[in-house]
Structure formats: C-alpha cells, structure tokens
C-alpha cells in the first residue's frame, strides 16, 4: 500500500513528520505539493487565494467551510499512476500503527467498487 497526502508550505513541518511516521511503519508514500512545499508531486498547486491565505476555500457545504476541494484530483492521480493500493490521509493524520481494514478497490474503467 502507498499512503498519500497533500500539504503546502504552511504544513511543511507537519508533512515532514507525516513522512517520518509512514517510514517508521514501512509504508511507501507520496506527498502532493499544494504550493511552495519544496518537495513532493508538482502540478497540484492550489490557486484559490482564500485557501492560500486562510486554509479553506470560499465554498461551503452546508455550514462547513470546504478545505479539501483538491482531494478528488489528487486521489484520481494516485489511482492512475500507482499499481499499488492507495490510502489517503490528511497530513495531520499520522500513522501510529498498522490499520485494521477491509481491502477493497475501485475500478476506474468500470467506475465501480471491487470486493
């Protein structure tokens, strides 16, 4: 399994700690650069000024401010570029042990879940 996350310069130290945790537990990992991170997969820089300055988009889901509008594109990219299973974790969600999980997959060719 490869773990993926995304961060910008504001979360650089947290992203570096996230990497340390992923390495400690033996996971392959990929970090997506949302802007000025200085490392990671490029091409996913967020251009929304509100996100850049405040950490959330000028978009709401009900009463909640949207903070992750970039996540579907990142997960889609990871699914299309990695042969391994992926797991998305926010940069502030550290791996502290091997998770217990049911394996499932998603087929991009049939747009359906695989058991």
PDB file of N, CA and C in Angstrom:
ATOM      1  N   UNK A   1       0.844  -1.177   0.000  1.00  0.00           N
ATOM      2  CA  UNK A   1       0.000   0.000   0.000  1.00  0.00           C
ATOM      3  C   UNK A   1       0.884   1.234   0.000  1.00  0.00           C
ATOM      4  N   UNK A   2       0.472   2.224  -0.765  1.00  0.00           N
ATOM      5  CA  UNK A   2       1.145   3.512  -0.741  1.00  0.00           C
ATOM      6  C   UNK A   2       0.206   4.526  -0.088  1.00  0.00           C
ATOM      7  N   UNK A   3       0.720   5.249   0.872  1.00  0.00           N
ATOM      8  CA  UNK A   3      -0.051   6.299   1.532  1.00  0.00           C
ATOM      9  C   UNK A   3       0.202   7.615   0.815  1.00  0.00           C
ATOM     10  N   UNK A   4      -0.849   8.401   0.644  1.00  0.00           N
ATOM     11  CA  UNK A   4      -0.697   9.699   0.010  1.00  0.00           C
ATOM     12  C   UNK A   4      -1.282  10.779   0.895  1.00  0.00           C
ATOM     13  N   UNK A   5      -0.716  11.958   0.768  1.00  0.00           N
ATOM     14  CA  UNK A   5      -1.215  13.136   1.465  1.00  0.00           C
ATOM     15  C   UNK A   5      -0.880  14.357   0.632  1.00  0.00           C
ATOM     16  N   UNK A   6      -1.311  15.504   1.093  1.00  0.00           N
ATOM     17  CA  UNK A   6      -1.032  16.765   0.406  1.00  0.00           C
ATOM     18  C   UNK A   6      -0.825  17.850   1.449  1.00  0.00           C
ATOM     19  N   UNK A   7       0.039  18.808   1.110  1.00  0.00           N
ATOM     20  CA  UNK A   7       0.314  19.915   2.023  1.00  0.00           C
ATOM     21  C   UNK A   7       0.894  21.082   1.238  1.00  0.00           C
ATOM     22  N   UNK A   8       0.828  22.244   1.854  1.00  0.00           N
ATOM     23  CA  UNK A   8       1.505  23.411   1.300  1.00  0.00           C
ATOM     24  C   UNK A   8       2.545  23.883   2.318  1.00  0.00           C
ATOM     25  N   UNK A   9       3.163  24.999   2.041  1.00  0.00           N
ATOM     26  CA  UNK A   9       4.248  25.491   2.880  1.00  0.00           C
ATOM     27  C   UNK A   9       3.836  25.626   4.344  1.00  0.00           C
ATOM     28  N   UNK A  10       2.590  26.022   4.596  1.00  0.00           N
ATOM     29  CA  UNK A  10       2.136  26.184   5.984  1.00  0.00           C
ATOM     30  C   UNK A  10       2.194  24.885   6.770  1.00  0.00           C
ATOM     31  N   UNK A  11       2.103  23.755   6.081  1.00  0.00           N
ATOM     32  CA  UNK A  11       2.077  22.441   6.733  1.00  0.00           C
ATOM     33  C   UNK A  11       3.358  21.648   6.498  1.00  0.00           C
ATOM     34  N   UNK A  12       4.422  22.328   6.106  1.00  0.00           N
ATOM     35  CA  UNK A  12       5.670  21.624   5.783  1.00  0.00           C
ATOM     36  C   UNK A  12       6.176  20.770   6.945  1.00  0.00           C
ATOM     37  N   UNK A  13       6.265  21.347   8.143  1.00  0.00           N
ATOM     38  CA  UNK A  13       6.769  20.579   9.299  1.00  0.00           C
ATOM     39  C   UNK A  13       5.862  19.400   9.613  1.00  0.00           C
ATOM     40  N   UNK A  14       4.570  19.599   9.499  1.00  0.00           N
ATOM     41  CA  UNK A  14       3.625  18.508   9.744  1.00  0.00           C
ATOM     42  C   UNK A  14       3.788  17.432   8.674  1.00  0.00           C
ATOM     43  N   UNK A  15       3.960  17.837   7.415  1.00  0.00           N
ATOM     44  CA  UNK A  15       4.146  16.867   6.328  1.00  0.00           C
ATOM     45  C   UNK A  15       5.440  16.074   6.537  1.00  0.00           C
ATOM     46  N   UNK A  16       6.481  16.738   6.999  1.00  0.00           N
ATOM     47  CA  UNK A  16       7.737  16.028   7.266  1.00  0.00           C
ATOM     48  C   UNK A  16       7.559  15.007   8.391  1.00  0.00           C
ATOM     49  N   UNK A  17       6.804  15.357   9.421  1.00  0.00           N
ATOM     50  CA  UNK A  17       6.520  14.404  10.497  1.00  0.00           C
ATOM     51  C   UNK A  17       5.650  13.258   9.984  1.00  0.00           C
ATOM     52  N   UNK A  18       4.696  13.575   9.095  1.00  0.00           N
ATOM     53  CA  UNK A  18       3.847  12.551   8.475  1.00  0.00           C
ATOM     54  C   UNK A  18       4.720  11.534   7.736  1.00  0.00           C
ATOM     55  N   UNK A  19       5.706  12.037   6.989  1.00  0.00           N
ATOM     56  CA  UNK A  19       6.631  11.162   6.262  1.00  0.00           C
ATOM     57  C   UNK A  19       7.393  10.264   7.239  1.00  0.00           C
ATOM     58  N   UNK A  20       7.878  10.843   8.342  1.00  0.00           N
ATOM     59  CA  UNK A  20       8.601  10.045   9.344  1.00  0.00           C
ATOM     60  C   UNK A  20       7.744   8.896   9.863  1.00  0.00           C
ATOM     61  N   UNK A  21       6.462   9.157  10.127  1.00  0.00           N
ATOM     62  CA  UNK A  21       5.552   8.114  10.615  1.00  0.00           C
ATOM     63  C   UNK A  21       5.324   7.047   9.542  1.00  0.00           C
ATOM     64  N   UNK A  22       5.145   7.467   8.290  1.00  0.00           N
ATOM     65  CA  UNK A  22       4.937   6.498   7.209  1.00  0.00           C
ATOM     66  C   UNK A  22       6.159   5.595   7.061  1.00  0.00           C
ATOM     67  N   UNK A  23       7.343   6.187   7.113  1.00  0.00           N
ATOM     68  CA  UNK A  23       8.584   5.403   7.018  1.00  0.00           C
ATOM     69  C   UNK A  23       8.713   4.438   8.190  1.00  0.00           C
ATOM     70  N   UNK A  24       8.421   4.916   9.393  1.00  0.00           N
ATOM     71  CA  UNK A  24       8.549   4.092  10.602  1.00  0.00           C
ATOM     72  C   UNK A  24       7.722   2.814  10.476  1.00  0.00           C
ATOM     73  N   UNK A  25       6.544   2.914   9.881  1.00  0.00           N
ATOM     74  CA  UNK A  25       5.661   1.761   9.763  1.00  0.00           C
ATOM     75  C   UNK A  25       5.827   1.029   8.443  1.00  0.00           C
ATOM     76  N   UNK A  26       6.836   1.419   7.662  1.00  0.00           N
ATOM     77  CA  UNK A  26       7.182   0.668   6.463  1.00  0.00           C
ATOM     78  C   UNK A  26       6.315   0.924   5.243  1.00  0.00           C
ATOM     79  N   UNK A  27       5.614   2.042   5.217  1.00  0.00           N
ATOM     80  CA  UNK A  27       4.766   2.344   4.072  1.00  0.00           C
ATOM     81  C   UNK A  27       5.529   3.114   3.007  1.00  0.00           C
ATOM     82  N   UNK A  28       5.243   2.809   1.759  1.00  0.00           N
ATOM     83  CA  UNK A  28       5.628   3.699   0.677  1.00  0.00           C
ATOM     84  C   UNK A  28       4.696   4.898   0.774  1.00  0.00           C
ATOM     85  N   UNK A  29       5.141   6.034   0.303  1.00  0.00           N
ATOM     86  CA  UNK A  29       4.319   7.232   0.469  1.00  0.00           C
ATOM     87  C   UNK A  29       4.553   8.195  -0.685  1.00  0.00           C
ATOM     88  N   UNK A  30       3.613   9.100  -0.840  1.00  0.00           N
ATOM     89  CA  UNK A  30       3.729  10.175  -1.809  1.00  0.00           C
ATOM     90  C   UNK A  30       3.061  11.405  -1.223  1.00  0.00           C
ATOM     91  N   UNK A  31       3.748  12.527  -1.320  1.00  0.00           N
ATOM     92  CA  UNK A  31       3.217  13.798  -0.833  1.00  0.00           C
ATOM     93  C   UNK A  31       2.974  14.695  -2.041  1.00  0.00           C
ATOM     94  N   UNK A  32       1.805  15.290  -2.103  1.00  0.00           N
ATOM     95  CA  UNK A  32       1.454  16.208  -3.186  1.00  0.00           C
ATOM     96  C   UNK A  32       1.646  17.638  -2.691  1.00  0.00           C
ATOM     97  N   UNK A  33       2.331  18.425  -3.497  1.00  0.00           N
ATOM     98  CA  UNK A  33       2.643  19.812  -3.164  1.00  0.00           C
ATOM     99  C   UNK A  33       1.487  20.715  -3.574  1.00  0.00           C
ATOM    100  N   UNK A  34       0.801  21.283  -2.573  1.00  0.00           N
ATOM    101  CA  UNK A  34      -0.309  22.202  -2.845  1.00  0.00           C
ATOM    102  C   UNK A  34       0.165  23.636  -3.049  1.00  0.00           C
ATOM    103  N   UNK A  35       1.453  23.873  -2.831  1.00  0.00           N
ATOM    104  CA  UNK A  35       2.001  25.209  -3.051  1.00  0.00           C
ATOM    105  C   UNK A  35       3.194  25.501  -2.173  1.00  0.00           C
ATOM    106  N   UNK A  36       4.336  25.692  -2.786  1.00  0.00           N
ATOM    107  CA  UNK A  36       5.569  26.105  -2.100  1.00  0.00           C
ATOM    108  C   UNK A  36       6.035  25.156  -1.006  1.00  0.00           C
ATOM    109  N   UNK A  37       5.659  23.903  -1.090  1.00  0.00           N
ATOM    110  CA  UNK A  37       6.084  22.927  -0.091  1.00  0.00           C
ATOM    111  C   UNK A  37       7.581  22.653  -0.206  1.00  0.00           C
ATOM    112  N   UNK A  38       8.078  22.652  -1.421  1.00  0.00           N
ATOM    113  CA  UNK A  38       9.503  22.429  -1.627  1.00  0.00           C
ATOM    114  C   UNK A  38       9.858  20.990  -1.939  1.00  0.00           C
ATOM    115  N   UNK A  39       8.888  20.091  -1.891  1.00  0.00           N
ATOM    116  CA  UNK A  39       9.093  18.698  -2.265  1.00  0.00           C
ATOM    117  C   UNK A  39       7.738  18.101  -2.598  1.00  0.00           C
ATOM    118  N   UNK A  40       7.764  16.928  -3.163  1.00  0.00           N
ATOM    119  CA  UNK A  40       6.515  16.242  -3.477  1.00  0.00           C
ATOM    120  C   UNK A  40       6.112  16.391  -4.935  1.00  0.00           C
ATOM    121  N   UNK A  41       4.982  15.786  -5.269  1.00  0.00           N
ATOM    122  CA  UNK A  41       4.452  15.789  -6.622  1.00  0.00           C
ATOM    123  C   UNK A  41       3.927  17.167  -6.967  1.00  0.00           C
ATOM    124  N   UNK A  42       4.435  17.720  -8.044  1.00  0.00           N
ATOM    125  CA  UNK A  42       4.026  19.056  -8.502  1.00  0.00           C
ATOM    126  C   UNK A  42       2.809  18.950  -9.413  1.00  0.00           C
ATOM    127  N   UNK A  43       2.219  20.096  -9.691  1.00  0.00           N
ATOM    128  CA  UNK A  43       1.097  20.158 -10.618  1.00  0.00           C
ATOM    129  C   UNK A  43      -0.252  20.205  -9.912  1.00  0.00           C
ATOM    130  N   UNK A  44      -0.234  20.266  -8.585  1.00  0.00           N
ATOM    131  CA  UNK A  44      -1.482  20.298  -7.819  1.00  0.00           C
ATOM    132  C   UNK A  44      -1.551  21.534  -6.922  1.00  0.00           C
ATOM    133  N   UNK A  45      -0.791  22.569  -7.299  1.00  0.00           N
ATOM    134  CA  UNK A  45      -0.774  23.795  -6.516  1.00  0.00           C
ATOM    135  C   UNK A  45      -2.153  24.437  -6.533  1.00  0.00           C
ATOM    136  N   UNK A  46      -2.654  24.791  -5.367  1.00  0.00           N
ATOM    137  CA  UNK A  46      -3.963  25.420  -5.240  1.00  0.00           C
ATOM    138  C   UNK A  46      -3.813  26.903  -5.558  1.00  0.00           C
ATOM    139  N   UNK A  47      -4.666  27.401  -6.430  1.00  0.00           N
ATOM    140  CA  UNK A  47      -4.617  28.801  -6.850  1.00  0.00           C
ATOM    141  C   UNK A  47      -5.643  29.674  -6.120  1.00  0.00           C
ATOM    142  N   UNK A  48      -6.527  29.068  -5.348  1.00  0.00           N
ATOM    143  CA  UNK A  48      -7.576  29.800  -4.651  1.00  0.00           C
ATOM    144  C   UNK A  48      -6.970  30.669  -3.547  1.00  0.00           C
ATOM    145  N   UNK A  49      -7.085  31.988  -3.677  1.00  0.00           N
ATOM    146  CA  UNK A  49      -6.469  32.914  -2.729  1.00  0.00           C
ATOM    147  C   UNK A  49      -6.975  32.699  -1.303  1.00  0.00           C
ATOM    148  N   UNK A  50      -8.241  32.395  -1.155  1.00  0.00           N
ATOM    149  CA  UNK A  50      -8.784  32.155   0.180  1.00  0.00           C
ATOM    150  C   UNK A  50      -8.124  30.937   0.826  1.00  0.00           C
ATOM    151  N   UNK A  51      -7.908  29.867   0.049  1.00  0.00           N
ATOM    152  CA  UNK A  51      -7.238  28.680   0.581  1.00  0.00           C
ATOM    153  C   UNK A  51      -5.790  29.008   0.946  1.00  0.00           C
ATOM    154  N   UNK A  52      -5.128  29.737   0.074  1.00  0.00           N
ATOM    155  CA  UNK A  52      -3.727  30.082   0.300  1.00  0.00           C
ATOM    156  C   UNK A  52      -3.555  30.899   1.576  1.00  0.00           C
ATOM    157  N   UNK A  53      -4.447  31.851   1.817  1.00  0.00           N
ATOM    158  CA  UNK A  53      -4.288  32.741   2.971  1.00  0.00           C
ATOM    159  C   UNK A  53      -4.965  32.234   4.237  1.00  0.00           C
ATOM    160  N   UNK A  54      -6.064  31.487   4.103  1.00  0.00           N
ATOM    161  CA  UNK A  54      -6.831  31.091   5.289  1.00  0.00           C
ATOM    162  C   UNK A  54      -6.918  29.588   5.510  1.00  0.00           C
ATOM    163  N   UNK A  55      -6.583  28.796   4.490  1.00  0.00           N
ATOM    164  CA  UNK A  55      -6.616  27.356   4.643  1.00  0.00           C
ATOM    165  C   UNK A  55      -7.943  26.706   4.295  1.00  0.00           C
ATOM    166  N   UNK A  56      -8.864  27.486   3.759  1.00  0.00           N
ATOM    167  CA  UNK A  56     -10.127  26.916   3.290  1.00  0.00           C
ATOM    168  C   UNK A  56     -10.589  27.687   2.063  1.00  0.00           C
ATOM    169  N   UNK A  57     -11.398  26.996   1.247  1.00  0.00           N
ATOM    170  CA  UNK A  57     -11.900  27.595   0.026  1.00  0.00           C
ATOM    171  C   UNK A  57     -13.078  28.509   0.339  1.00  0.00           C
ATOM    172  N   UNK A  58     -13.363  29.406  -0.578  1.00  0.00           N
ATOM    173  CA  UNK A  58     -14.528  30.276  -0.425  1.00  0.00           C
ATOM    174  C   UNK A  58     -15.747  29.528  -0.964  1.00  0.00           C
ATOM    175  N   UNK A  59     -15.971  28.358  -0.398  1.00  0.00           N
ATOM    176  CA  UNK A  59     -17.055  27.475  -0.803  1.00  0.00           C
ATOM    177  C   UNK A  59     -17.542  26.750   0.447  1.00  0.00           C
ATOM    178  N   UNK A  60     -18.825  26.512   0.510  1.00  0.00           N
ATOM    179  CA  UNK A  60     -19.386  25.880   1.697  1.00  0.00           C
ATOM    180  C   UNK A  60     -20.166  24.633   1.326  1.00  0.00           C
ATOM    181  N   UNK A  61     -20.157  23.682   2.242  1.00  0.00           N
ATOM    182  CA  UNK A  61     -21.015  22.515   2.155  1.00  0.00           C
ATOM    183  C   UNK A  61     -21.914  22.618   3.375  1.00  0.00           C
ATOM    184  N   UNK A  62     -23.128  23.103   3.161  1.00  0.00           N
ATOM    185  CA  UNK A  62     -23.977  23.418   4.316  1.00  0.00           C
ATOM    186  C   UNK A  62     -23.335  24.561   5.071  1.00  0.00           C
ATOM    187  N   UNK A  63     -23.115  24.387   6.357  1.00  0.00           N
ATOM    188  CA  UNK A  63     -22.488  25.432   7.160  1.00  0.00           C
ATOM    189  C   UNK A  63     -20.969  25.291   7.242  1.00  0.00           C
ATOM    190  N   UNK A  64     -20.419  24.220   6.657  1.00  0.00           N
ATOM    191  CA  UNK A  64     -18.998  23.923   6.794  1.00  0.00           C
ATOM    192  C   UNK A  64     -18.185  24.525   5.659  1.00  0.00           C
ATOM    193  N   UNK A  65     -17.044  25.100   5.998  1.00  0.00           N
ATOM    194  CA  UNK A  65     -16.119  25.628   5.009  1.00  0.00           C
ATOM    195  C   UNK A  65     -15.401  24.461   4.334  1.00  0.00           C
ATOM    196  N   UNK A  66     -15.251  24.528   3.040  1.00  0.00           N
ATOM    197  CA  UNK A  66     -14.589  23.469   2.293  1.00  0.00           C
ATOM    198  C   UNK A  66     -13.078  23.631   2.382  1.00  0.00           C
ATOM    199  N   UNK A  67     -12.405  22.575   2.829  1.00  0.00           N
ATOM    200  CA  UNK A  67     -10.948  22.610   2.948  1.00  0.00           C
ATOM    201  C   UNK A  67     -10.275  21.611   2.020  1.00  0.00           C
ATOM    202  N   UNK A  68     -11.028  20.751   1.377  1.00  0.00           N
ATOM    203  CA  UNK A  68     -10.411  19.676   0.617  1.00  0.00           C
ATOM    204  C   UNK A  68     -10.882  19.534  -0.809  1.00  0.00           C
ATOM    205  N   UNK A  69     -11.182  20.618  -1.488  1.00  0.00           N
ATOM    206  CA  UNK A  69     -11.654  20.503  -2.866  1.00  0.00           C
ATOM    207  C   UNK A  69     -10.600  19.927  -3.803  1.00  0.00           C
ATOM    208  N   UNK A  70      -9.356  19.943  -3.388  1.00  0.00           N
ATOM    209  CA  UNK A  70      -8.254  19.399  -4.183  1.00  0.00           C
ATOM    210  C   UNK A  70      -8.124  17.879  -4.051  1.00  0.00           C
ATOM    211  N   UNK A  71      -8.731  17.284  -3.053  1.00  0.00           N
ATOM    212  CA  UNK A  71      -8.515  15.861  -2.766  1.00  0.00           C
ATOM    213  C   UNK A  71      -8.966  14.916  -3.881  1.00  0.00           C
ATOM    214  N   UNK A  72     -10.122  15.112  -4.517  1.00  0.00           N
ATOM    215  CA  UNK A  72     -10.508  14.177  -5.589  1.00  0.00           C
ATOM    216  C   UNK A  72      -9.493  14.110  -6.726  1.00  0.00           C
ATOM    217  N   UNK A  73      -8.927  15.248  -7.129  1.00  0.00           N
ATOM    218  CA  UNK A  73      -7.933  15.246  -8.216  1.00  0.00           C
ATOM    219  C   UNK A  73      -6.677  14.503  -7.793  1.00  0.00           C
ATOM    220  N   UNK A  74      -6.268  14.681  -6.550  1.00  0.00           N
ATOM    221  CA  UNK A  74      -5.070  14.009  -6.044  1.00  0.00           C
ATOM    222  C   UNK A  74      -5.291  12.501  -5.959  1.00  0.00           C
ATOM    223  N   UNK A  75      -6.420  12.087  -5.432  1.00  0.00           N
ATOM    224  CA  UNK A  75      -6.720  10.662  -5.322  1.00  0.00           C
ATOM    225  C   UNK A  75      -6.841  10.044  -6.715  1.00  0.00           C
ATOM    226  N   UNK A  76      -7.481  10.749  -7.636  1.00  0.00           N
ATOM    227  CA  UNK A  76      -7.574  10.256  -9.010  1.00  0.00           C
ATOM    228  C   UNK A  76      -6.203  10.085  -9.646  1.00  0.00           C
ATOM    229  N   UNK A  77      -5.336  11.065  -9.442  1.00  0.00           N
ATOM    230  CA  UNK A  77      -3.973  10.970  -9.982  1.00  0.00           C
ATOM    231  C   UNK A  77      -3.245   9.775  -9.369  1.00  0.00           C
ATOM    232  N   UNK A  78      -3.363   9.610  -8.064  1.00  0.00           N
ATOM    233  CA  UNK A  78      -2.687   8.495  -7.389  1.00  0.00           C
ATOM    234  C   UNK A  78      -3.211   7.148  -7.890  1.00  0.00           C
ATOM    235  N   UNK A  79      -4.512   7.035  -8.094  1.00  0.00           N
ATOM    236  CA  UNK A  79      -5.083   5.789  -8.603  1.00  0.00           C
ATOM    237  C   UNK A  79      -4.581   5.471 -10.007  1.00  0.00           C
ATOM    238  N   UNK A  80      -4.398   6.503 -10.806  1.00  0.00           N
ATOM    239  CA  UNK A  80      -3.983   6.307 -12.195  1.00  0.00           C
ATOM    240  C   UNK A  80      -2.477   6.140 -12.369  1.00  0.00           C
ATOM    241  N   UNK A  81      -1.686   6.475 -11.350  1.00  0.00           N
ATOM    242  CA  UNK A  81      -0.230   6.411 -11.512  1.00  0.00           C
ATOM    243  C   UNK A  81       0.436   5.393 -10.600  1.00  0.00           C
ATOM    244  N   UNK A  82      -0.311   4.705  -9.756  1.00  0.00           N
ATOM    245  CA  UNK A  82       0.257   3.713  -8.847  1.00  0.00           C
ATOM    246  C   UNK A  82      -0.402   2.369  -9.069  1.00  0.00           C
ATOM    247  N   UNK A  83       0.416   1.350  -9.222  1.00  0.00           N
ATOM    248  CA  UNK A  83      -0.109  -0.009  -9.375  1.00  0.00           C
ATOM    249  C   UNK A  83      -0.537  -0.578  -8.028  1.00  0.00           C
ATOM    250  N   UNK A  84      -0.031  -0.002  -6.953  1.00  0.00           N
ATOM    251  CA  UNK A  84      -0.306  -0.483  -5.602  1.00  0.00           C
ATOM    252  C   UNK A  84      -1.625   0.110  -5.093  1.00  0.00           C
ATOM    253  N   UNK A  85      -2.167  -0.480  -4.039  1.00  0.00           N
ATOM    254  CA  UNK A  85      -3.318   0.111  -3.371  1.00  0.00           C
ATOM    255  C   UNK A  85      -2.889   1.434  -2.761  1.00  0.00           C
ATOM    256  N   UNK A  86      -3.827   2.383  -2.668  1.00  0.00           N
ATOM    257  CA  UNK A  86      -3.509   3.665  -2.054  1.00  0.00           C
ATOM    258  C   UNK A  86      -4.398   3.899  -0.841  1.00  0.00           C
ATOM    259  N   UNK A  87      -3.887   4.703   0.056  1.00  0.00           N
ATOM    260  CA  UNK A  87      -4.659   5.171   1.200  1.00  0.00           C
ATOM    261  C   UNK A  87      -4.389   6.650   1.367  1.00  0.00           C
ATOM    262  N   UNK A  88      -5.430   7.462   1.347  1.00  0.00           N
ATOM    263  CA  UNK A  88      -5.256   8.907   1.525  1.00  0.00           C
ATOM    264  C   UNK A  88      -5.411   9.241   2.997  1.00  0.00           C
ATOM    265  N   UNK A  89      -4.457   9.974   3.527  1.00  0.00           N
ATOM    266  CA  UNK A  89      -4.545  10.508   4.887  1.00  0.00           C
ATOM    267  C   UNK A  89      -4.267  12.000   4.829  1.00  0.00           C
ATOM    268  N   UNK A  90      -5.009  12.779   5.585  1.00  0.00           N
ATOM    269  CA  UNK A  90      -4.650  14.184   5.719  1.00  0.00           C
ATOM    270  C   UNK A  90      -3.254  14.268   6.328  1.00  0.00           C
ATOM    271  N   UNK A  91      -2.541  15.348   6.048  1.00  0.00           N
ATOM    272  CA  UNK A  91      -1.158  15.486   6.517  1.00  0.00           C
ATOM    273  C   UNK A  91      -1.056  15.509   8.042  1.00  0.00           C
ATOM    274  N   UNK A  92      -2.135  15.858   8.717  1.00  0.00           N
ATOM    275  CA  UNK A  92      -2.097  15.863  10.180  1.00  0.00           C
ATOM    276  C   UNK A  92      -2.690  14.590  10.785  1.00  0.00           C
ATOM    277  N   UNK A  93      -2.866  13.562   9.954  1.00  0.00           N
ATOM    278  CA  UNK A  93      -3.327  12.249  10.422  1.00  0.00           C
ATOM    279  C   UNK A  93      -2.142  11.294  10.324  1.00  0.00           C
ATOM    280  N   UNK A  94      -1.450  11.094  11.425  1.00  0.00           N
ATOM    281  CA  UNK A  94      -0.229  10.302  11.434  1.00  0.00           C
ATOM    282  C   UNK A  94      -0.520   8.815  11.608  1.00  0.00           C
ATOM    283  N   UNK A  95       0.268   8.003  10.918  1.00  0.00           N
ATOM    284  CA  UNK A  95       0.200   6.553  11.099  1.00  0.00           C
ATOM    285  C   UNK A  95       0.874   6.239  12.438  1.00  0.00           C
ATOM    286  N   UNK A  96       0.128   5.592  13.330  1.00  0.00           N
ATOM    287  CA  UNK A  96       0.709   5.227  14.630  1.00  0.00           C
ATOM    288  C   UNK A  96       0.746   3.715  14.829  1.00  0.00           C
ATOM    289  N   UNK A  97       0.107   2.980  13.940  1.00  0.00           N
ATOM    290  CA  UNK A  97       0.201   1.523  13.901  1.00  0.00           C
ATOM    291  C   UNK A  97      -0.408   1.071  12.584  1.00  0.00           C
ATOM    292  N   UNK A  98      -0.272  -0.212  12.280  1.00  0.00           N
ATOM    293  CA  UNK A  98      -0.877  -0.721  11.053  1.00  0.00           C
ATOM    294  C   UNK A  98      -2.385  -0.731  11.238  1.00  0.00           C
ATOM    295  N   UNK A  99      -3.105  -0.104  10.306  1.00  0.00           N
ATOM    296  CA  UNK A  99      -4.568  -0.066  10.456  1.00  0.00           C
ATOM    297  C   UNK A  99      -5.196  -1.419  10.162  1.00  0.00           C
ATOM    298  N   UNK A 100      -6.279  -1.707  10.840  1.00  0.00           N
ATOM    299  CA  UNK A 100      -7.087  -2.881  10.528  1.00  0.00           C
ATOM    300  C   UNK A 100      -8.122  -2.406   9.522  1.00  0.00           C
ATOM    301  N   UNK A 101      -8.171  -3.042   8.411  1.00  0.00           N
ATOM    302  CA  UNK A 101      -9.064  -2.574   7.370  1.00  0.00           C
ATOM    303  C   UNK A 101      -9.520  -3.729   6.494  1.00  0.00           C
ATOM    304  N   UNK A 102     -10.622  -3.525   5.835  1.00  0.00           N
ATOM    305  CA  UNK A 102     -11.102  -4.465   4.824  1.00  0.00           C
ATOM    306  C   UNK A 102     -10.563  -3.959   3.490  1.00  0.00           C
ATOM    307  N   UNK A 103      -9.925  -4.848   2.750  1.00  0.00           N
ATOM    308  CA  UNK A 103      -9.399  -4.453   1.450  1.00  0.00           C
ATOM    309  C   UNK A 103     -10.524  -4.332   0.444  1.00  0.00           C
ATOM    310  N   UNK A 104     -10.528  -3.272  -0.285  1.00  0.00           N
ATOM    311  CA  UNK A 104     -11.449  -3.088  -1.390  1.00  0.00           C
ATOM    312  C   UNK A 104     -10.753  -2.212  -2.403  1.00  0.00           C
ATOM    313  N   UNK A 105     -11.279  -2.166  -3.559  1.00  0.00           N
ATOM    314  CA  UNK A 105     -10.666  -1.368  -4.604  1.00  0.00           C
ATOM    315  C   UNK A 105     -11.717  -0.677  -5.435  1.00  0.00           C
ATOM    316  N   UNK A 106     -11.246   0.173  -6.306  1.00  0.00           N
ATOM    317  CA  UNK A 106     -12.133   0.894  -7.212  1.00  0.00           C
ATOM    318  C   UNK A 106     -11.589   0.758  -8.607  1.00  0.00           C
ATOM    319  N   UNK A 107     -12.424   0.342  -9.516  1.00  0.00           N
ATOM    320  CA  UNK A 107     -12.027   0.203 -10.913  1.00  0.00           C
ATOM    321  C   UNK A 107     -12.365   1.480 -11.654  1.00  0.00           C
ATOM    322  N   UNK A 108     -11.334   2.159 -12.166  1.00  0.00           N
ATOM    323  CA  UNK A 108     -11.583   3.387 -12.928  1.00  0.00           C
ATOM    324  C   UNK A 108     -12.181   3.071 -14.295  1.00  0.00           C
ATOM    325  N   UNK A 109     -11.954   1.857 -14.789  1.00  0.00           N
ATOM    326  CA  UNK A 109     -12.503   1.511 -16.105  1.00  0.00           C
ATOM    327  C   UNK A 109     -14.010   1.243 -16.046  1.00  0.00           C
ATOM    328  N   UNK A 110     -14.475   0.669 -14.924  1.00  0.00           N
ATOM    329  CA  UNK A 110     -15.911   0.390 -14.814  1.00  0.00           C
ATOM    330  C   UNK A 110     -16.615   1.301 -13.826  1.00  0.00           C
ATOM    331  N   UNK A 111     -15.861   2.211 -13.188  1.00  0.00           N
ATOM    332  CA  UNK A 111     -16.418   3.107 -12.176  1.00  0.00           C
ATOM    333  C   UNK A 111     -17.217   2.351 -11.113  1.00  0.00           C
ATOM    334  N   UNK A 112     -16.615   1.290 -10.595  1.00  0.00           N
ATOM    335  CA  UNK A 112     -17.301   0.507  -9.568  1.00  0.00           C
ATOM    336  C   UNK A 112     -16.321  -0.007  -8.529  1.00  0.00           C
ATOM    337  N   UNK A 113     -16.851  -0.287  -7.343  1.00  0.00           N
ATOM    338  CA  UNK A 113     -16.051  -0.856  -6.277  1.00  0.00           C
ATOM    339  C   UNK A 113     -15.780  -2.317  -6.555  1.00  0.00           C
ATOM    340  N   UNK A 114     -14.594  -2.769  -6.154  1.00  0.00           N
ATOM    341  CA  UNK A 114     -14.227  -4.177  -6.309  1.00  0.00           C
ATOM    342  C   UNK A 114     -14.180  -4.801  -4.923  1.00  0.00           C
ATOM    343  N   UNK A 115     -14.753  -5.970  -4.746  1.00  0.00           N
ATOM    344  CA  UNK A 115     -14.674  -6.666  -3.454  1.00  0.00           C
ATOM    345  C   UNK A 115     -13.479  -7.563  -3.427  1.00  0.00           C
TER     346      UNK A 115
END
